[in-house]
C-alpha cells in the first residue's frame, strides 16, 4: 500500500511480445541492445518464447520477426552460446511447430490474437523473402509460415482497410495498433493521436507523455507512421512515453502501461475483502474516484472504459466507505449478462462476477430496479457458465482457479444476500459447493494448486474459495487450506509464472502479491478460529 502512490504506471512484468515489437519498430529508442539481449536470453530450449502450448505462438512470432529485422548485431549483444542466426532459426522452427498444432480452437483467447498472428506471419514471410544474404540454413521458400485452422487474415484485412481509408477504428483496437498502422508513407494528418499518460515519475517538470492504446508497441507504431516535420500532432509526448517506459523497466517493456487504476482497484479490493489490517494512503481512493467517468473506468490511459475495471473500482470504493452509483454498469448490458466492452466478441465470467460483487455491495442508485434485475440475471448466467467439473474458465486469465475464485466469491455473497426470496438462492449455493469440491479434488500432492504446476498465485485463489465462500468451512476444507499455506509466499521470485491475458501472458506483480497476502490472512484467521472452536 505504501508503494502504490509511487507507482503511477503500475507494476507488471515485462513482455517478450511487446519488447520484440520495440526492437522491430523503434531500434532508435534507448535500450535497444538490452532488448535484443533480453530476447536472446529468454528463448526456451525448444526454440520458442512464452507460455505453454498455444500461449507460445504470439511471443515466438514477435521475437522471430524482431530478430530477423536486426540487420547488424553488435558484438556486445551476441552470445557465444546462442548467436543471433541460430536463435532466429530455432525460433522459426518452433513457430512452424506451434502453428501446425493450432487447430480446432486450441489457440488461447488472448486480446487481438486474430490481428496479431496474421500480421506477424505476413511480416516474417516478407523478411524471409527479402533477406539480402541468407545463411545456408535459411528455410526454403516452401517453408514460409502459413496460417492454419481457425486463423486467417480476414479481420486484419478489414481493420487495415478501415484504417487506411482514414476512418476511425474502435478504441479498444488501438491497443494493437501496431498490427494495422499504415506504414507505407509518413502521414501528416494521422487519424489516431496519443492521449495523455501519467506525468513522468520524478521528472519535476510536468512534461507530458502520450500513449496510443496504452501500449509501447502501439505507440512506437504510431511514431513510425507520422511525418515528423509536417504532422499536425506533436510527436514528443509519444517519444517521452516510450523513454519513460523503457527506463521504468530497464529496457524491456510490459504489454500495457500505465495500469495504475487496475492495480490499485484490484489490490485494494482483495485486501479489504480479507480484512487485512492496513492504512490506505488517502490519495488512492481519490485516484479511483477520479478514474470513474460517465462511461465507466478504464484500466489505464489510452484504453477505453470497460465493465471489469468499472465494477472493481465501484466495489473498492464501496468497501472504503465511499460508494458511487453503479448505474453505469447498465450501459454494458448484453442480454442476460454484461459485456466487458459494448460489442465484445464472447463474454467474460470474471467481468460478470465482479459486476455481481458490486451490485451486491452497492444498493440503490438512480436505477435501483434495473440494477436489481441485472444482479439477478448475472447470478443465473454465472451458474449457467459453470463447467461440469465445478470450475469456471475465463478469457482474461489462463488459470481456472482465478475464474472459479471470482465466480464462487460472488455467488457466495449472492446466497448471503438472501436472493432465495425470489427463488434464486439454491442454484448459487449449489454452484459454490461444486466449486469447493473441484478445488478439493484438484489439490496437488505437495499441497499446492495450479493449471500446469503448483503456483503461489493459484494456491491463493484455491484457499480463498475454501475459506471465504462457506461459513464455517468444513474440517476437510480447513486441512486442505492449511496444506496450501506453505506455498503462499508473497515474493516476486516465488509468485509463479505469468498467467494473465494481454497480447502476451503477463503478471500484475502487486495484484498477485495482494492475492497471496489475502489468502495467508484467511489461513491465519482459520487457524485461530479453529483453535478456539476446539478449545
Protein backbone atom coordinates (compact mmCIF):
# COMPACT_ATOMS: atom_id res chain seq x y z
CA UNK A 1 0.00 0.00 0.00
CA UNK A 2 2.80 2.39 0.83
CA UNK A 3 4.38 1.85 -2.59
CA UNK A 4 1.23 2.25 -4.68
CA UNK A 5 1.15 6.07 -4.77
CA UNK A 6 4.71 6.00 -6.11
CA UNK A 7 3.75 3.57 -8.91
CA UNK A 8 1.68 5.79 -11.24
CA UNK A 9 2.48 3.43 -14.12
CA UNK A 10 1.72 0.21 -12.23
CA UNK A 11 3.98 -2.74 -11.51
CA UNK A 12 3.82 -5.55 -14.04
CA UNK A 13 6.41 -7.88 -15.51
CA UNK A 14 7.83 -7.39 -19.00
CA UNK A 15 6.54 -8.97 -22.20
CA UNK A 16 8.50 -10.78 -24.89
CA UNK A 17 5.86 -9.80 -27.45
CA UNK A 18 5.92 -6.09 -26.63
CA UNK A 19 9.69 -5.94 -26.17
CA UNK A 20 10.24 -7.56 -29.57
CA UNK A 21 7.87 -5.06 -31.18
CA UNK A 22 10.08 -2.22 -29.91
CA UNK A 23 13.16 -4.00 -31.28
CA UNK A 24 11.46 -4.06 -34.66
CA UNK A 25 9.61 -0.72 -34.67
CA UNK A 26 11.89 1.53 -32.61
CA UNK A 27 15.57 0.49 -32.89
CA UNK A 28 16.42 4.15 -32.26
CA UNK A 29 14.96 4.01 -28.75
CA UNK A 30 17.24 3.93 -25.71
CA UNK A 31 17.94 0.35 -24.58
CA UNK A 32 17.76 -1.34 -27.98
CA UNK A 33 20.74 -3.60 -27.28
CA UNK A 34 19.32 -4.52 -23.89
CA UNK A 35 16.04 -5.54 -25.51
CA UNK A 36 17.83 -7.74 -28.05
CA UNK A 37 19.77 -9.37 -25.21
CA UNK A 38 16.50 -9.95 -23.37
CA UNK A 39 15.03 -11.78 -26.36
CA UNK A 40 18.08 -13.99 -26.72
CA UNK A 41 18.21 -14.75 -23.00
CA UNK A 42 14.50 -15.59 -22.69
CA UNK A 43 14.36 -18.10 -25.56
CA UNK A 44 13.46 -21.56 -24.30
CA UNK A 45 15.38 -24.77 -25.10
CA UNK A 46 12.79 -25.81 -27.71
CA UNK A 47 13.31 -22.52 -29.58
CA UNK A 48 10.05 -20.88 -28.51
CA UNK A 49 9.26 -17.96 -26.24
CA UNK A 50 6.38 -17.50 -23.80
CA UNK A 51 3.99 -19.86 -22.05
CA UNK A 52 3.00 -23.47 -22.67
CA UNK A 53 1.22 -24.71 -25.79
CA UNK A 54 -0.63 -22.10 -27.82
CA UNK A 55 0.46 -19.36 -25.43
CA UNK A 56 3.90 -19.52 -27.06
CA UNK A 57 2.65 -18.56 -30.52
CA UNK A 58 2.34 -14.77 -30.22
CA UNK A 59 5.62 -14.13 -28.33
CA UNK A 60 7.52 -16.57 -30.56
CA UNK A 61 6.31 -14.92 -33.78
CA UNK A 62 7.10 -11.48 -32.37
CA UNK A 63 10.62 -12.44 -31.29
CA UNK A 64 11.40 -14.15 -34.59
CA UNK A 65 10.21 -11.15 -36.63
CA UNK A 66 12.28 -8.79 -34.48
CA UNK A 67 15.46 -10.86 -34.70
CA UNK A 68 15.07 -11.21 -38.45
CA UNK A 69 14.93 -7.43 -38.60
CA UNK A 70 18.14 -6.87 -36.69
CA UNK A 71 20.43 -6.24 -39.66
CA UNK A 72 23.73 -5.88 -37.80
CA UNK A 73 24.12 -7.06 -34.24
CA UNK A 74 26.98 -5.52 -32.24
CA UNK A 75 29.32 -8.00 -30.60
CA UNK A 76 28.20 -6.74 -27.20
CA UNK A 77 24.74 -8.26 -27.63
CA UNK A 78 25.84 -11.57 -29.10
CA UNK A 79 26.01 -14.72 -27.02
CA UNK A 80 28.52 -17.35 -27.97
CA UNK A 81 26.05 -19.98 -26.83
CA UNK A 82 23.12 -18.59 -28.87
CA UNK A 83 24.30 -16.48 -31.80
CA UNK A 84 21.57 -14.48 -33.45
CA UNK A 85 21.16 -16.61 -36.62
CA UNK A 86 20.87 -19.79 -34.56
CA UNK A 87 18.30 -18.25 -32.20
CA UNK A 88 16.27 -17.00 -35.15
CA UNK A 89 16.25 -20.31 -36.99
CA UNK A 90 15.33 -22.25 -33.85
CA UNK A 91 12.54 -19.74 -33.30
CA UNK A 92 11.27 -20.24 -36.85
CA UNK A 93 11.23 -23.99 -36.36
CA UNK A 94 9.26 -23.53 -33.15
CA UNK A 95 6.83 -21.15 -34.90
CA UNK A 96 6.14 -23.77 -37.60
CA UNK A 97 5.55 -26.40 -34.94
CA UNK A 98 3.16 -24.24 -32.88
CA UNK A 99 1.22 -23.06 -35.92
CA UNK A 100 0.80 -26.65 -37.10
CA UNK A 101 -0.66 -27.58 -33.71
CA UNK A 102 -3.02 -24.59 -33.60
CA UNK A 103 -6.21 -26.09 -34.95
CA UNK A 104 -9.72 -26.77 -33.72
CA UNK A 105 -9.98 -23.91 -31.23
CA UNK A 106 -6.70 -24.62 -29.43
CA UNK A 107 -5.44 -21.03 -29.69
CA UNK A 108 -5.86 -19.18 -26.36
CA UNK A 109 -8.40 -16.35 -26.39
CA UNK A 110 -5.92 -13.53 -25.79
CA UNK A 111 -6.65 -9.93 -26.86
CA UNK A 112 -6.30 -9.17 -30.60
CA UNK A 113 -4.80 -12.59 -31.35
CA UNK A 114 -6.75 -12.68 -34.63
CA UNK A 115 -4.98 -9.47 -35.66
CA UNK A 116 -1.53 -10.15 -34.21
CA UNK A 117 -0.87 -13.63 -35.59
CA UNK A 118 -1.68 -12.91 -39.26
CA UNK A 119 0.16 -9.57 -39.07
CA UNK A 120 3.33 -11.21 -37.73
CA UNK A 121 3.16 -14.16 -40.13
CA UNK A 122 2.90 -11.73 -43.03
CA UNK A 123 5.79 -9.65 -41.72
CA UNK A 124 8.02 -12.67 -41.09
CA UNK A 125 7.39 -14.01 -44.58
CA UNK A 126 8.24 -10.63 -46.06
CA UNK A 127 11.52 -10.59 -44.19
CA UNK A 128 12.34 -14.16 -45.23
CA UNK A 129 11.71 -13.36 -48.89
CA UNK A 130 13.88 -10.26 -48.85
CA UNK A 131 16.89 -11.23 -46.75
CA UNK A 132 19.94 -9.94 -48.62
CA UNK A 133 22.41 -12.69 -47.70
CA UNK A 134 20.50 -15.64 -46.23
CA UNK A 135 22.59 -18.16 -44.29
CA UNK A 136 22.88 -21.69 -45.63
CA UNK A 137 20.34 -22.94 -43.10
CA UNK A 138 17.63 -20.45 -44.08
CA UNK A 139 14.23 -22.02 -44.76
CA UNK A 140 13.32 -22.88 -48.30
CA UNK A 141 10.53 -20.84 -49.93
CA UNK A 142 8.06 -23.66 -49.32
CA UNK A 143 8.84 -23.43 -45.59
CA UNK A 144 7.32 -19.95 -45.20
CA UNK A 145 4.86 -19.66 -42.33
CA UNK A 146 1.23 -20.42 -43.13
CA UNK A 147 -1.95 -19.68 -41.24
CA UNK A 148 -3.91 -22.81 -40.38
CA UNK A 149 -7.20 -23.89 -38.92
CA UNK A 150 -9.15 -21.07 -37.27
CA UNK A 151 -6.51 -18.49 -38.19
CA UNK A 152 -6.94 -16.28 -41.23
CA UNK A 153 -6.30 -12.66 -42.14
CA UNK A 154 -9.93 -11.69 -42.75
CA UNK A 155 -10.43 -9.47 -39.71
CA UNK A 156 -6.97 -7.94 -40.02
CA UNK A 157 -7.61 -7.09 -43.67
CA UNK A 158 -10.91 -5.42 -42.77
CA UNK A 159 -9.38 -3.34 -39.98
CA UNK A 160 -6.46 -2.32 -42.19
CA UNK A 161 -8.85 -1.16 -44.91
CA UNK A 162 -10.77 0.85 -42.34
CA UNK A 163 -7.60 2.48 -41.03
CA UNK A 164 -6.06 3.10 -44.46
CA UNK A 165 -9.26 4.82 -45.56
CA UNK A 166 -8.90 7.37 -42.79
CA UNK A 167 -11.94 6.11 -40.92
CA UNK A 168 -11.97 5.72 -37.13
CA UNK A 169 -11.48 2.27 -35.62
CA UNK A 170 -12.92 1.11 -32.28
CA UNK A 171 -10.88 2.49 -29.40
CA UNK A 172 -10.30 -0.97 -27.96
CA UNK A 173 -8.37 -1.96 -31.12
CA UNK A 174 -5.81 0.80 -30.59
CA UNK A 175 -4.12 -1.41 -28.01
CA UNK A 176 -2.97 -3.47 -31.00
CA UNK A 177 -2.44 -0.51 -33.36
CA UNK A 178 0.90 -2.00 -34.42
CA UNK A 179 -0.98 -4.66 -36.39
CA UNK A 180 -2.76 -2.24 -38.72
CA UNK A 181 -0.80 1.04 -38.60
CA UNK A 182 -0.39 2.42 -42.11
CA UNK A 183 3.38 2.44 -42.57
CA UNK A 184 3.66 2.73 -46.35
CA UNK A 185 4.22 6.50 -46.20
CA UNK A 186 4.57 9.04 -43.34
CA UNK A 187 1.27 10.74 -42.52
CA UNK A 188 0.91 14.46 -41.89
CA UNK A 189 -2.67 14.07 -40.61
CA UNK A 190 -2.84 10.76 -38.69
CA UNK A 191 -6.32 9.55 -37.78
CA UNK A 192 -5.05 8.31 -34.40
CA UNK A 193 -3.41 10.57 -31.81
CA UNK A 194 -1.76 9.82 -28.46
CA UNK A 195 -3.71 10.57 -25.28
CA UNK A 196 -2.07 11.88 -22.09
CA UNK A 197 -0.44 9.27 -19.89
CA UNK A 198 0.51 9.78 -16.26
CA UNK A 199 3.02 12.55 -15.51
CA UNK A 200 6.58 11.40 -15.70
CA UNK A 201 7.65 9.93 -12.40
CA UNK A 202 10.27 12.10 -10.80
CA UNK A 203 10.50 14.49 -13.74
CA UNK A 204 9.66 17.50 -11.63
CA UNK A 205 8.83 19.43 -14.79
CA UNK A 206 5.26 18.43 -15.52
CA UNK A 207 6.29 17.32 -19.01
CA UNK A 208 3.58 15.43 -20.83
CA UNK A 209 3.74 11.84 -22.01
CA UNK A 210 1.28 10.45 -24.54
CA UNK A 211 0.30 6.90 -25.40
CA UNK A 212 -1.60 5.16 -28.16
CA UNK A 213 -3.68 2.29 -26.81
CA UNK A 214 -1.82 2.16 -23.50
CA UNK A 215 0.80 0.10 -25.34
CA UNK A 216 4.50 0.67 -26.06
CA UNK A 217 4.18 -1.29 -29.32
CA UNK A 218 1.13 0.66 -30.49
CA UNK A 219 2.79 3.95 -29.58
CA UNK A 220 6.00 3.02 -31.42
CA UNK A 221 3.93 2.03 -34.45
CA UNK A 222 2.17 5.40 -34.39
CA UNK A 223 5.51 7.21 -34.33
CA UNK A 224 6.58 5.15 -37.36
CA UNK A 225 3.53 6.32 -39.33
CA UNK A 226 3.77 10.07 -38.93
CA UNK A 227 5.74 12.66 -40.84
CA UNK A 228 7.74 14.29 -38.01
CA UNK A 229 8.14 17.54 -39.99
CA UNK A 230 4.66 18.11 -41.38
CA UNK A 231 2.47 16.39 -38.79
CA UNK A 232 -0.14 18.47 -37.00
CA UNK A 233 0.29 16.38 -33.85
CA UNK A 234 3.28 16.84 -31.57
CA UNK A 235 5.22 13.54 -31.51
CA UNK A 236 7.30 14.47 -28.46
CA UNK A 237 4.82 13.18 -25.80
CA UNK A 238 4.76 9.77 -27.52
CA UNK A 239 8.56 9.60 -27.56
CA UNK A 240 8.60 10.69 -23.93
CA UNK A 241 6.14 7.91 -23.06
CA UNK A 242 8.40 5.28 -24.65
CA UNK A 243 11.52 6.70 -23.00
CA UNK A 244 9.81 6.60 -19.61
CA UNK A 245 8.53 3.05 -20.00
CA UNK A 246 11.92 1.66 -21.03
CA UNK A 247 13.56 3.49 -18.14
CA UNK A 248 10.99 2.17 -15.67
CA UNK A 249 11.78 -1.42 -16.76
CA UNK A 250 15.47 -1.10 -17.67
CA UNK A 251 14.95 -1.77 -21.39
CA UNK A 252 12.29 -4.48 -21.89
CA UNK A 253 8.68 -3.32 -21.61
CA UNK A 254 5.27 -4.63 -20.47
CA UNK A 255 2.22 -5.07 -22.72
CA UNK A 256 0.07 -2.40 -21.12
CA UNK A 257 1.18 0.66 -19.21
CA UNK A 258 0.09 2.68 -17.31
CA UNK A 259 -2.25 0.35 -15.42
CA UNK A 260 -2.44 2.11 -12.06
CA UNK A 261 -6.25 2.16 -11.93
CA UNK A 262 -6.42 -1.61 -12.45
CA UNK A 263 -3.58 -2.26 -9.99
CA UNK A 264 -4.99 -0.08 -7.21
CA UNK A 265 -8.57 -1.27 -7.55
CA UNK A 266 -7.72 -5.00 -7.67
CA UNK A 267 -5.11 -4.94 -4.89
CA UNK A 268 -7.19 -2.81 -2.52
CA UNK A 269 -10.38 -4.80 -3.09
CA UNK A 270 -8.62 -8.12 -2.50
CA UNK A 271 -7.03 -6.97 0.77
CA UNK A 272 -10.16 -5.22 2.05
CA UNK A 273 -12.34 -8.29 1.41
CA UNK A 274 -9.94 -10.38 3.50
CA UNK A 275 -9.94 -7.78 6.32
CA UNK A 276 -6.19 -7.27 6.07
CA UNK A 277 -5.23 -4.54 8.54
CA UNK A 278 -3.63 -1.64 6.69
CA UNK A 279 -3.53 2.11 6.34
CA UNK A 280 -4.80 3.13 2.91
CA UNK A 281 -2.93 6.17 1.56
CA UNK A 282 -5.62 8.87 1.13
CA UNK A 283 -4.63 9.59 -2.47
CA UNK A 284 -5.64 6.09 -3.58
CA UNK A 285 -9.42 6.43 -3.10
CA UNK A 286 -9.20 9.86 -4.72
CA UNK A 287 -7.45 8.46 -7.77
CA UNK A 288 -10.14 5.77 -8.13
CA UNK A 289 -12.96 8.30 -7.86
CA UNK A 290 -11.23 10.41 -10.49
CA UNK A 291 -10.99 7.38 -12.80
CA UNK A 292 -14.78 7.00 -12.86
CA UNK A 293 -16.34 8.82 -15.80
CA UNK A 294 -19.93 8.79 -17.08
CA UNK A 295 -18.77 5.98 -19.41
CA UNK A 296 -17.07 3.98 -16.64
CA UNK A 297 -13.42 3.44 -15.67
CA UNK A 298 -10.52 2.35 -17.86
CA UNK A 299 -7.60 0.16 -16.84
CA UNK A 300 -5.24 2.97 -17.78
CA UNK A 301 -4.58 5.82 -20.18
CA UNK A 302 -5.18 5.02 -23.84
CA UNK A 303 -7.63 2.21 -23.12
CA UNK A 304 -11.43 2.51 -23.29
CA UNK A 305 -13.63 2.25 -20.20
CA UNK A 306 -14.56 -1.37 -19.53
CA UNK A 307 -17.09 -3.08 -17.31
CA UNK A 308 -14.47 -5.12 -15.43
CA UNK A 309 -12.41 -2.16 -14.24
CA UNK A 310 -15.57 -0.14 -13.64
CA UNK A 311 -17.06 -2.86 -11.45
CA UNK A 312 -13.93 -3.38 -9.35
CA UNK A 313 -13.41 0.38 -8.88
CA UNK A 314 -17.03 0.71 -7.70
CA UNK A 315 -16.67 -2.29 -5.39
CA UNK A 316 -13.42 -0.94 -3.96
CA UNK A 317 -14.94 2.48 -3.25
CA UNK A 318 -17.88 0.79 -1.51
CA UNK A 319 -15.51 -1.23 0.70
CA UNK A 320 -13.70 2.02 1.54
CA UNK A 321 -17.00 3.58 2.65
CA UNK A 322 -17.16 5.89 -0.36
CA UNK A 323 -19.80 4.24 -2.60
CA UNK A 324 -20.64 5.59 -6.03
CA UNK A 325 -23.74 4.98 -8.14
CA UNK A 326 -23.33 1.70 -10.08
CA UNK A 327 -25.89 2.64 -12.76
CA UNK A 328 -23.08 2.97 -15.31
CA UNK A 329 -22.90 -0.85 -15.39
CA UNK A 330 -26.27 -0.89 -17.14
CA UNK A 331 -24.59 0.58 -20.21
CA UNK A 332 -22.62 -2.66 -20.59
CA UNK A 333 -25.67 -4.95 -20.65
CA UNK A 334 -25.65 -7.71 -23.27
CA UNK A 335 -28.89 -9.59 -22.72
CA UNK A 336 -28.73 -11.61 -19.50
CA UNK A 337 -25.16 -10.58 -18.64
CA UNK A 338 -22.76 -7.70 -19.26
CA UNK A 339 -20.00 -7.29 -21.84
CA UNK A 340 -16.50 -6.14 -20.99
CA UNK A 341 -16.96 -3.61 -23.79
CA UNK A 342 -20.02 -2.95 -25.93
CA UNK A 343 -19.87 -5.32 -28.89
CA UNK A 344 -17.48 -7.74 -27.19
CA UNK A 345 -16.78 -10.98 -29.06
CA UNK A 346 -17.63 -13.62 -26.49
CA UNK A 347 -18.13 -12.96 -22.78
CA UNK A 348 -16.13 -12.93 -19.56
CA UNK A 349 -17.34 -14.71 -16.44
CA UNK A 350 -14.95 -12.74 -14.21
CA UNK A 351 -16.20 -9.41 -15.55
CA UNK A 352 -19.71 -10.55 -14.64
CA UNK A 353 -18.61 -11.90 -11.26
CA UNK A 354 -17.01 -8.55 -10.43
CA UNK A 355 -20.18 -6.76 -11.53
CA UNK A 356 -22.23 -9.05 -9.30
CA UNK A 357 -19.90 -8.25 -6.39
CA UNK A 358 -20.50 -4.55 -6.95
CA UNK A 359 -24.27 -4.81 -7.36
CA UNK A 360 -24.42 -6.75 -4.08
CA UNK A 361 -22.19 -4.27 -2.23
CA UNK A 362 -23.77 -1.06 -3.54
CA UNK A 363 -27.51 -0.88 -3.16
CA UNK A 364 -29.94 1.64 -4.57
CA UNK A 365 -28.79 4.23 -7.03
CA UNK A 366 -30.63 6.12 -9.73
CA UNK A 367 -31.93 2.97 -11.39
CA UNK A 368 -32.31 0.60 -8.48
CA UNK A 369 -34.99 -1.58 -10.08
CA UNK A 370 -32.99 -2.09 -13.29
CA UNK A 371 -29.87 -2.85 -11.27
CA UNK A 372 -31.73 -5.45 -9.23
CA UNK A 373 -32.90 -7.19 -12.40
CA UNK A 374 -29.33 -7.13 -13.74
CA UNK A 375 -27.99 -8.54 -10.49
CA UNK A 376 -30.35 -11.50 -10.57
CA UNK A 377 -29.78 -12.23 -14.25
CA UNK A 378 -25.99 -12.17 -13.83
CA UNK A 379 -26.25 -14.61 -10.92
CA UNK A 380 -28.25 -17.03 -13.08
CA UNK A 381 -25.94 -16.53 -16.07
CA UNK A 382 -22.85 -17.31 -13.97
CA UNK A 383 -24.43 -20.55 -12.77
CA UNK A 384 -25.12 -21.46 -16.39
CA UNK A 385 -21.44 -20.93 -17.31
CA UNK A 386 -20.06 -23.32 -14.69
CA UNK A 387 -18.14 -26.26 -16.18
CA UNK A 388 -19.32 -29.83 -15.49
CA UNK A 389 -16.36 -30.38 -13.15
CA UNK A 390 -17.36 -27.38 -10.98
CA UNK A 391 -14.81 -24.87 -12.27
CA UNK A 392 -15.15 -21.77 -14.44
CA UNK A 393 -12.93 -20.68 -17.35
CA UNK A 394 -12.32 -17.10 -18.42
CA UNK A 395 -10.84 -15.08 -21.26
CA UNK A 396 -8.73 -12.79 -19.05
CA UNK A 397 -6.68 -15.42 -17.23
CA UNK A 398 -5.03 -18.72 -18.14
CA UNK A 399 -5.94 -20.43 -14.87
CA UNK A 400 -9.39 -21.76 -13.99
CA UNK A 401 -8.58 -21.05 -10.33
CA UNK A 402 -8.78 -17.29 -10.95
CA UNK A 403 -12.14 -17.55 -12.70
CA UNK A 404 -13.51 -20.02 -10.17
CA UNK A 405 -12.49 -17.84 -7.23
CA UNK A 406 -14.17 -14.78 -8.75
CA UNK A 407 -17.40 -16.63 -9.52
CA UNK A 408 -17.57 -18.60 -6.27
CA UNK A 409 -16.97 -15.50 -4.15
CA UNK A 410 -19.64 -13.54 -5.99
CA UNK A 411 -22.21 -16.34 -5.84
CA UNK A 412 -21.45 -16.96 -2.19
CA UNK A 413 -22.32 -13.34 -1.47
CA UNK A 414 -25.48 -13.79 -3.53
CA UNK A 415 -26.55 -16.54 -1.14
CA UNK A 416 -25.74 -14.36 1.86
CA UNK A 417 -27.98 -11.60 0.48
CA UNK A 418 -30.95 -13.98 0.65
CA UNK A 419 -31.68 -13.99 -3.06
CA UNK A 420 -33.59 -17.17 -2.26
CA UNK A 421 -36.55 -14.91 -1.54
CA UNK A 422 -37.01 -14.79 -5.30
CA UNK A 423 -36.23 -18.47 -5.72
CA UNK A 424 -32.69 -17.89 -6.96
CA UNK A 425 -30.65 -18.80 -3.89
CA UNK A 426 -30.48 -22.57 -4.34
CA UNK A 427 -28.57 -22.54 -7.64
CA UNK A 428 -25.78 -20.18 -6.44
CA UNK A 429 -25.36 -22.26 -3.28
CA UNK A 430 -25.10 -25.50 -5.26
CA UNK A 431 -22.64 -23.88 -7.69
CA UNK A 432 -20.40 -22.80 -4.81
CA UNK A 433 -20.41 -26.31 -3.35
CA UNK A 434 -19.42 -27.77 -6.72
CA UNK A 435 -16.58 -25.25 -6.95
CA UNK A 436 -15.34 -26.20 -3.48
CA UNK A 437 -15.47 -29.88 -4.40
CA UNK A 438 -13.45 -29.19 -7.58
CA UNK A 439 -10.80 -27.35 -5.55
CA UNK A 440 -10.53 -30.21 -3.07
CA UNK A 441 -10.22 -32.77 -5.87
CA UNK A 442 -7.51 -30.87 -7.75
CA UNK A 443 -5.09 -30.17 -4.90
CA UNK A 444 -1.62 -31.40 -5.76
CA UNK A 445 0.29 -33.90 -3.59
CA UNK A 446 2.53 -31.12 -2.24
CA UNK A 447 -0.50 -29.11 -1.12
CA UNK A 448 -0.44 -26.50 -3.90
CA UNK A 449 -2.81 -25.80 -6.77
CA UNK A 450 -2.11 -24.86 -10.39
CA UNK A 451 -3.08 -25.44 -14.00
CA UNK A 452 0.35 -26.56 -15.22
CA UNK A 453 2.14 -26.86 -11.88
CA UNK A 454 1.59 -25.52 -8.41
CA UNK A 455 1.95 -21.75 -8.03
CA UNK A 456 1.58 -19.32 -5.16
CA UNK A 457 -0.97 -17.27 -7.12
CA UNK A 458 -3.26 -20.17 -7.96
CA UNK A 459 -2.90 -21.62 -4.47
CA UNK A 460 -4.12 -18.26 -3.15
CA UNK A 461 -7.24 -18.45 -5.31
CA UNK A 462 -7.94 -22.01 -4.14
CA UNK A 463 -7.51 -21.05 -0.48
CA UNK A 464 -9.93 -18.15 -0.89
CA UNK A 465 -12.51 -20.49 -2.42
CA UNK A 466 -12.17 -22.86 0.54
CA UNK A 467 -12.16 -20.28 3.32
CA UNK A 468 -14.18 -17.31 2.03
CA UNK A 469 -17.21 -18.93 0.39
CA UNK A 470 -18.52 -21.23 3.15
CA UNK A 471 -19.07 -20.24 6.77
CA UNK A 472 -17.85 -22.18 8.59
CA UNK A 473 -15.59 -24.22 6.32
CA UNK A 474 -15.56 -27.97 6.93
CA UNK A 475 -12.64 -29.72 8.58
CA UNK A 476 -11.63 -31.13 5.19
CA UNK A 477 -11.58 -27.64 3.68
CA UNK A 478 -9.52 -26.34 6.61
CA UNK A 479 -6.99 -29.14 6.28
CA UNK A 480 -6.61 -28.55 2.54
CA UNK A 481 -6.16 -24.80 3.04
CA UNK A 482 -3.54 -25.32 5.73
CA UNK A 483 -1.58 -27.67 3.48
CA UNK A 484 -1.60 -25.00 0.80
CA UNK A 485 -0.45 -22.27 3.20
CA UNK A 486 3.21 -23.23 2.84
CA UNK A 487 3.04 -22.10 -0.81
CA UNK A 488 1.65 -18.64 -0.04
CA UNK A 489 4.93 -16.77 -0.35
CA UNK A 490 4.39 -13.10 -1.33
CA UNK A 491 7.69 -12.76 -3.16
CA UNK A 492 8.02 -11.76 -6.81
CA UNK A 493 10.54 -14.57 -7.22
CA UNK A 494 8.07 -17.18 -5.99
CA UNK A 495 4.66 -16.00 -7.22
CA UNK A 496 4.89 -18.26 -10.24
CA UNK A 497 4.58 -17.77 -13.99
CA UNK A 498 2.65 -15.09 -15.86
CA UNK A 499 -0.98 -16.19 -16.12
CA UNK A 500 -2.95 -13.05 -17.00
CA UNK A 501 -4.14 -12.44 -20.55
CA UNK A 502 -2.97 -9.49 -22.59
CA UNK A 503 -1.37 -9.68 -26.04
CA UNK A 504 1.15 -11.84 -24.19
CA UNK A 505 0.78 -13.55 -20.81
CA UNK A 506 1.75 -11.15 -18.03
CA UNK A 507 1.83 -10.89 -14.27
CA UNK A 508 0.49 -7.83 -12.40
CA UNK A 509 3.00 -8.20 -9.59
CA UNK A 510 1.30 -6.07 -6.94
CA UNK A 511 -2.13 -7.56 -7.66
CA UNK A 512 -0.82 -11.12 -7.35
CA UNK A 513 1.06 -10.25 -4.16
CA UNK A 514 -2.20 -8.92 -2.70
CA UNK A 515 -3.96 -12.19 -3.53
CA UNK A 516 -1.25 -14.17 -1.73
CA UNK A 517 -1.30 -11.91 1.33
CA UNK A 518 -5.12 -12.06 1.50
CA UNK A 519 -5.11 -15.85 1.33
CA UNK A 520 -2.48 -16.00 4.06
CA UNK A 521 -4.67 -13.81 6.23
CA UNK A 522 -7.61 -16.17 5.73
CA UNK A 523 -5.49 -19.18 6.70
CA UNK A 524 -4.25 -17.41 9.82
CA UNK A 525 -7.78 -16.47 10.84
CA UNK A 526 -8.98 -20.04 10.23
CA UNK A 527 -6.21 -21.39 12.47
CA UNK A 528 -7.17 -19.02 15.28
CA UNK A 529 -10.88 -19.73 14.87
CA UNK A 530 -10.25 -23.48 14.67
CA UNK A 531 -8.13 -23.41 17.84
CA UNK A 532 -10.82 -21.51 19.72
CA UNK A 533 -13.53 -23.86 18.42
CA UNK A 534 -11.65 -26.97 19.53
CA UNK A 535 -10.80 -25.37 22.87
